[in-house]
Amino acid sequence: MKLTINQIRKGSVNEPYFFDGQADVTELEMMNNDIRKISPVHVTGQITMHGEEFYVNFHLKGEMTLPCARTLVDVPYPFQIDANEVFSASAYYGREEQEQEIHPIQGEVLDLTPYIKENILLEIPFRVFADNADSDEAAPSSGKDWEFVSETKEEKSIDPRLKKLESLLNNNQKEK
């Protein structure tokens, strides 16, 4: 979601600049995290200017699909996030601004997409559980080049060709 600095300055004379839109964050599906699918995120917010600093308050609303911690089935996880970020258009961006987490604006465009993605990644829970954990979609029992093997002990059956040797073994045990 990109906003031009001129657009913000014109729309925020003595009052905050309000914005409302959709942000495509499907790149998060390709990253090394648990997000299997994410819908476009609805973003609403306001920008307040103080000199060369832009105070951005925004609200994110969307839904992502995460794996169940028990069964690995897809679990829809709706989220709503409130976030605050501070940006500076000042040419004198230094150490103090960096320590206060004031983000520099490069050029004439304020791009909120990286900060939207960051806040979504911070919102991912450690574990989610499916409501119907005993369904047919539960953890697979076999896959490509693997299969679940039960650990129950099977009866040891003796090879019929070695049946005669068993009788010798039994005779030896009786003699002891």
C-alpha atoms as a PDB file:
ATOM      1  CA  MET A   1       0.000   0.000   0.000  1.00  0.00           C
ATOM      2  CA  LYS A   2       1.675   3.150  -1.215  1.00  0.00           C
ATOM      3  CA  LEU A   3       0.745   6.759  -0.500  1.00  0.00           C
ATOM      4  CA  THR A   4       2.427   9.825  -1.976  1.00  0.00           C
ATOM      5  CA  ILE A   5       3.788  12.490   0.349  1.00  0.00           C
ATOM      6  CA  ASN A   6       2.058  15.268  -1.642  1.00  0.00           C
ATOM      7  CA  GLN A   7      -1.277  13.455  -1.376  1.00  0.00           C
ATOM      8  CA  ILE A   8      -0.840  13.190   2.408  1.00  0.00           C
ATOM      9  CA  ARG A   9       0.225  16.841   2.804  1.00  0.00           C
ATOM     10  CA  LYS A  10      -2.720  18.127   0.744  1.00  0.00           C
ATOM     11  CA  GLY A  11      -5.234  15.971   2.592  1.00  0.00           C
ATOM     12  CA  SER A  12      -3.936  16.621   6.095  1.00  0.00           C
ATOM     13  CA  VAL A  13      -4.123  20.380   6.517  1.00  0.00           C
ATOM     14  CA  ASN A  14      -4.994  20.859  10.235  1.00  0.00           C
ATOM     15  CA  GLU A  15      -6.512  17.360  10.424  1.00  0.00           C
ATOM     16  CA  PRO A  16      -5.384  13.739  10.003  1.00  0.00           C
ATOM     17  CA  TYR A  17      -5.258  12.133   6.572  1.00  0.00           C
ATOM     18  CA  PHE A  18      -7.500   9.045   6.474  1.00  0.00           C
ATOM     19  CA  PHE A  19      -6.888   6.088   4.177  1.00  0.00           C
ATOM     20  CA  ASP A  20      -8.693   2.836   3.451  1.00  0.00           C
ATOM     21  CA  GLY A  21      -7.613   0.077   1.091  1.00  0.00           C
ATOM     22  CA  GLN A  22      -6.455  -3.464   0.440  1.00  0.00           C
ATOM     23  CA  ALA A  23      -2.886  -4.729   0.719  1.00  0.00           C
ATOM     24  CA  ASP A  24      -1.697  -7.819  -1.134  1.00  0.00           C
ATOM     25  CA  VAL A  25       0.641  -9.713   1.183  1.00  0.00           C
ATOM     26  CA  THR A  26       0.661 -13.110  -0.550  1.00  0.00           C
ATOM     27  CA  GLU A  27       4.485 -13.005  -0.476  1.00  0.00           C
ATOM     28  CA  LEU A  28       4.177 -14.126   3.150  1.00  0.00           C
ATOM     29  CA  GLU A  29       3.046 -17.556   1.892  1.00  0.00           C
ATOM     30  CA  MET A  30       6.451 -18.075   0.240  1.00  0.00           C
ATOM     31  CA  MET A  31       8.475 -17.136   3.313  1.00  0.00           C
ATOM     32  CA  ASN A  32       9.744 -19.607   5.898  1.00  0.00           C
ATOM     33  CA  ASN A  33       6.784 -19.412   8.284  1.00  0.00           C
ATOM     34  CA  ASP A  34       3.594 -21.346   8.960  1.00  0.00           C
ATOM     35  CA  ILE A  35       1.307 -19.271   6.734  1.00  0.00           C
ATOM     36  CA  ARG A  36      -0.164 -21.580   4.107  1.00  0.00           C
ATOM     37  CA  LYS A  37      -2.575 -19.025   2.652  1.00  0.00           C
ATOM     38  CA  ILE A  38      -3.428 -15.402   3.354  1.00  0.00           C
ATOM     39  CA  SER A  39      -6.211 -13.305   1.904  1.00  0.00           C
ATOM     40  CA  PRO A  40      -5.723  -9.646   0.930  1.00  0.00           C
ATOM     41  CA  VAL A  41      -5.612  -7.545   4.085  1.00  0.00           C
ATOM     42  CA  HIS A  42      -8.026  -4.661   4.638  1.00  0.00           C
ATOM     43  CA  VAL A  43      -6.091  -1.628   5.893  1.00  0.00           C
ATOM     44  CA  THR A  44      -7.654   1.467   7.436  1.00  0.00           C
ATOM     45  CA  GLY A  45      -5.885   4.236   9.245  1.00  0.00           C
ATOM     46  CA  GLN A  46      -4.865   7.818   9.623  1.00  0.00           C
ATOM     47  CA  ILE A  47      -1.702   9.834   9.222  1.00  0.00           C
ATOM     48  CA  THR A  48      -0.939  12.844  11.386  1.00  0.00           C
ATOM     49  CA  MET A  49       1.873  15.206  10.401  1.00  0.00           C
ATOM     50  CA  HIS A  50       4.132  17.118  12.783  1.00  0.00           C
ATOM     51  CA  GLY A  51       6.786  18.949  10.794  1.00  0.00           C
ATOM     52  CA  GLU A  52       8.659  16.352   8.750  1.00  0.00           C
ATOM     53  CA  GLU A  53       7.399  13.414  10.814  1.00  0.00           C
ATOM     54  CA  PHE A  54       4.407  11.301   9.834  1.00  0.00           C
ATOM     55  CA  TYR A  55       2.603   9.407  12.619  1.00  0.00           C
ATOM     56  CA  VAL A  56       0.736   6.502  11.055  1.00  0.00           C
ATOM     57  CA  ASN A  57      -1.938   4.615  13.003  1.00  0.00           C
ATOM     58  CA  PHE A  58      -3.450   1.730  11.069  1.00  0.00           C
ATOM     59  CA  HIS A  59      -5.752  -1.224  11.588  1.00  0.00           C
ATOM     60  CA  LEU A  60      -5.295  -4.508   9.707  1.00  0.00           C
ATOM     61  CA  LYS A  61      -8.056  -7.056   9.223  1.00  0.00           C
ATOM     62  CA  GLY A  62      -7.737 -10.346   7.377  1.00  0.00           C
ATOM     63  CA  GLU A  63      -7.526 -14.107   7.563  1.00  0.00           C
ATOM     64  CA  MET A  64      -4.621 -16.498   7.225  1.00  0.00           C
ATOM     65  CA  THR A  65      -4.519 -20.287   7.066  1.00  0.00           C
ATOM     66  CA  LEU A  66      -2.159 -22.029   9.478  1.00  0.00           C
ATOM     67  CA  PRO A  67      -1.434 -25.731  10.139  1.00  0.00           C
ATOM     68  CA  CYS A  68      -3.002 -27.451  13.161  1.00  0.00           C
ATOM     69  CA  ALA A  69      -0.323 -28.303  15.740  1.00  0.00           C
ATOM     70  CA  ARG A  70      -1.749 -31.811  16.235  1.00  0.00           C
ATOM     71  CA  THR A  71      -2.973 -32.942  12.834  1.00  0.00           C
ATOM     72  CA  LEU A  72      -1.470 -30.512  10.284  1.00  0.00           C
ATOM     73  CA  VAL A  73      -4.891 -29.764   8.743  1.00  0.00           C
ATOM     74  CA  ASP A  74      -5.553 -26.214   7.561  1.00  0.00           C
ATOM     75  CA  VAL A  75      -6.988 -23.942  10.252  1.00  0.00           C
ATOM     76  CA  PRO A  76      -8.416 -20.528   9.294  1.00  0.00           C
ATOM     77  CA  TYR A  77      -7.109 -17.853  11.659  1.00  0.00           C
ATOM     78  CA  PRO A  78      -8.788 -14.421  11.457  1.00  0.00           C
ATOM     79  CA  PHE A  79      -6.759 -11.500  12.754  1.00  0.00           C
ATOM     80  CA  GLN A  80      -7.178  -7.837  13.605  1.00  0.00           C
ATOM     81  CA  ILE A  81      -4.085  -5.800  14.367  1.00  0.00           C
ATOM     82  CA  ASP A  82      -3.662  -2.212  15.508  1.00  0.00           C
ATOM     83  CA  ALA A  83      -0.257  -0.736  14.752  1.00  0.00           C
ATOM     84  CA  ASN A  84       1.556   2.579  15.062  1.00  0.00           C
ATOM     85  CA  GLU A  85       4.593   3.598  13.023  1.00  0.00           C
ATOM     86  CA  VAL A  86       6.529   6.853  12.750  1.00  0.00           C
ATOM     87  CA  PHE A  87       8.162   8.001   9.502  1.00  0.00           C
ATOM     88  CA  SER A  88      10.436  10.934   8.756  1.00  0.00           C
ATOM     89  CA  ALA A  89      10.859  12.807   5.491  1.00  0.00           C
ATOM     90  CA  SER A  90      13.739  14.799   6.954  1.00  0.00           C
ATOM     91  CA  ALA A  91      17.065  14.718   5.143  1.00  0.00           C
ATOM     92  CA  TYR A  92      18.770  14.680   8.553  1.00  0.00           C
ATOM     93  CA  TYR A  93      17.960  11.089   9.485  1.00  0.00           C
ATOM     94  CA  GLY A  94      20.486  10.016  12.093  1.00  0.00           C
ATOM     95  CA  ARG A  95      21.253   7.785  15.029  1.00  0.00           C
ATOM     96  CA  GLU A  96      18.617   9.316  17.308  1.00  0.00           C
ATOM     97  CA  GLU A  97      15.826   8.615  14.813  1.00  0.00           C
ATOM     98  CA  GLN A  98      17.094   5.075  14.324  1.00  0.00           C
ATOM     99  CA  GLU A  99      17.065   4.401  18.081  1.00  0.00           C
ATOM    100  CA  GLN A 100      13.513   5.739  18.381  1.00  0.00           C
ATOM    101  CA  GLU A 101      12.394   3.513  15.482  1.00  0.00           C
ATOM    102  CA  ILE A 102      11.550   6.382  13.189  1.00  0.00           C
ATOM    103  CA  HIS A 103      11.592   5.038   9.642  1.00  0.00           C
ATOM    104  CA  PRO A 104      13.011   7.166   6.811  1.00  0.00           C
ATOM    105  CA  ILE A 105      10.885   7.908   3.760  1.00  0.00           C
ATOM    106  CA  GLN A 106      12.783   7.307   0.533  1.00  0.00           C
ATOM    107  CA  GLY A 107      11.665   9.617  -2.267  1.00  0.00           C
ATOM    108  CA  GLU A 108       8.105  10.908  -2.520  1.00  0.00           C
ATOM    109  CA  VAL A 109       6.255   7.684  -1.671  1.00  0.00           C
ATOM    110  CA  LEU A 110       5.364   6.259   1.736  1.00  0.00           C
ATOM    111  CA  ASP A 111       5.212   2.466   1.327  1.00  0.00           C
ATOM    112  CA  LEU A 112       3.355   0.799   4.213  1.00  0.00           C
ATOM    113  CA  THR A 113       3.547  -2.751   2.784  1.00  0.00           C
ATOM    114  CA  PRO A 114       6.749  -3.853   4.611  1.00  0.00           C
ATOM    115  CA  TYR A 115       5.312  -2.623   7.926  1.00  0.00           C
ATOM    116  CA  ILE A 116       1.992  -4.356   7.263  1.00  0.00           C
ATOM    117  CA  LYS A 117       3.867  -7.615   6.599  1.00  0.00           C
ATOM    118  CA  GLU A 118       6.000  -7.169   9.717  1.00  0.00           C
ATOM    119  CA  ASN A 119       2.950  -6.699  11.937  1.00  0.00           C
ATOM    120  CA  ILE A 120       1.234  -9.756  10.435  1.00  0.00           C
ATOM    121  CA  LEU A 121       4.336 -11.897  11.033  1.00  0.00           C
ATOM    122  CA  LEU A 122       4.425 -10.723  14.645  1.00  0.00           C
ATOM    123  CA  GLU A 123       0.775 -11.748  15.038  1.00  0.00           C
ATOM    124  CA  ILE A 124       1.259 -15.409  14.005  1.00  0.00           C
ATOM    125  CA  PRO A 125       0.489 -17.573  17.057  1.00  0.00           C
ATOM    126  CA  PHE A 126       2.883 -20.324  18.151  1.00  0.00           C
ATOM    127  CA  ARG A 127       0.196 -22.997  17.836  1.00  0.00           C
ATOM    128  CA  VAL A 128      -3.343 -23.306  16.536  1.00  0.00           C
ATOM    129  CA  PHE A 129      -5.614 -26.309  16.932  1.00  0.00           C
ATOM    130  CA  ALA A 130      -8.378 -27.492  14.625  1.00  0.00           C
ATOM    131  CA  ASP A 131     -11.839 -27.798  16.161  1.00  0.00           C
ATOM    132  CA  ASN A 132     -12.430 -31.219  14.614  1.00  0.00           C
ATOM    133  CA  ALA A 133      -9.121 -32.972  15.260  1.00  0.00           C
ATOM    134  CA  ASP A 134     -10.573 -36.460  14.631  1.00  0.00           C
ATOM    135  CA  SER A 135     -11.732 -35.778  11.091  1.00  0.00           C
ATOM    136  CA  ASP A 136     -10.730 -37.669   7.956  1.00  0.00           C
ATOM    137  CA  GLU A 137      -8.400 -34.814   7.054  1.00  0.00           C
ATOM    138  CA  ALA A 138      -6.259 -35.585  10.109  1.00  0.00           C
ATOM    139  CA  ALA A 139      -2.544 -36.230   9.899  1.00  0.00           C
ATOM    140  CA  PRO A 140      -1.798 -38.551   6.993  1.00  0.00           C
ATOM    141  CA  SER A 141      -0.793 -42.145   7.702  1.00  0.00           C
ATOM    142  CA  SER A 142       1.281 -42.476   4.549  1.00  0.00           C
ATOM    143  CA  GLY A 143       2.915 -40.335   1.939  1.00  0.00           C
ATOM    144  CA  LYS A 144       5.506 -40.343  -0.782  1.00  0.00           C
ATOM    145  CA  ASP A 145       8.210 -42.852   0.202  1.00  0.00           C
ATOM    146  CA  TRP A 146       6.929 -43.304   3.764  1.00  0.00           C
ATOM    147  CA  GLU A 147       4.210 -45.114   5.691  1.00  0.00           C
ATOM    148  CA  PHE A 148       3.101 -45.171   9.322  1.00  0.00           C
ATOM    149  CA  VAL A 149       4.044 -48.458  10.980  1.00  0.00           C
ATOM    150  CA  SER A 150       2.337 -49.568  14.171  1.00  0.00           C
ATOM    151  CA  GLU A 151       4.565 -50.571  17.068  1.00  0.00           C
ATOM    152  CA  THR A 152       2.356 -53.436  18.225  1.00  0.00           C
ATOM    153  CA  LYS A 153       4.281 -56.672  18.428  1.00  0.00           C
ATOM    154  CA  GLU A 154       3.402 -59.337  15.940  1.00  0.00           C
ATOM    155  CA  GLU A 155       3.373 -63.003  16.819  1.00  0.00           C
ATOM    156  CA  LYS A 156       6.598 -64.621  15.837  1.00  0.00           C
ATOM    157  CA  SER A 157       5.784 -67.340  13.390  1.00  0.00           C
ATOM    158  CA  ILE A 158       8.398 -69.917  12.600  1.00  0.00           C
ATOM    159  CA  ASP A 159       9.333 -70.638   9.049  1.00  0.00           C
ATOM    160  CA  PRO A 160       7.989 -74.115   8.176  1.00  0.00           C
ATOM    161  CA  ARG A 161      11.396 -75.051   6.758  1.00  0.00           C
ATOM    162  CA  LEU A 162      12.935 -74.508  10.185  1.00  0.00           C
ATOM    163  CA  LYS A 163      10.211 -76.331  12.129  1.00  0.00           C
ATOM    164  CA  LYS A 164      12.469 -79.354  12.730  1.00  0.00           C
ATOM    165  CA  LEU A 165      15.148 -77.110  14.256  1.00  0.00           C
ATOM    166  CA  GLU A 166      12.599 -75.760  16.712  1.00  0.00           C
ATOM    167  CA  SER A 167      12.017 -79.227  18.093  1.00  0.00           C
ATOM    168  CA  LEU A 168      15.792 -79.575  18.628  1.00  0.00           C
ATOM    169  CA  LEU A 169      15.840 -76.225  20.420  1.00  0.00           C
ATOM    170  CA  ASN A 170      12.966 -77.324  22.669  1.00  0.00           C
ATOM    171  CA  ASN A 171      14.813 -80.596  23.468  1.00  0.00           C
ATOM    172  CA  ASN A 172      17.944 -78.646  24.455  1.00  0.00           C
ATOM    173  CA  GLN A 173      15.935 -76.400  26.765  1.00  0.00           C
ATOM    174  CA  LYS A 174      14.302 -79.423  28.431  1.00  0.00           C
ATOM    175  CA  GLU A 175      17.709 -81.015  29.089  1.00  0.00           C
ATOM    176  CA  LYS A 176      18.959 -77.947  30.950  1.00  0.00           C
END
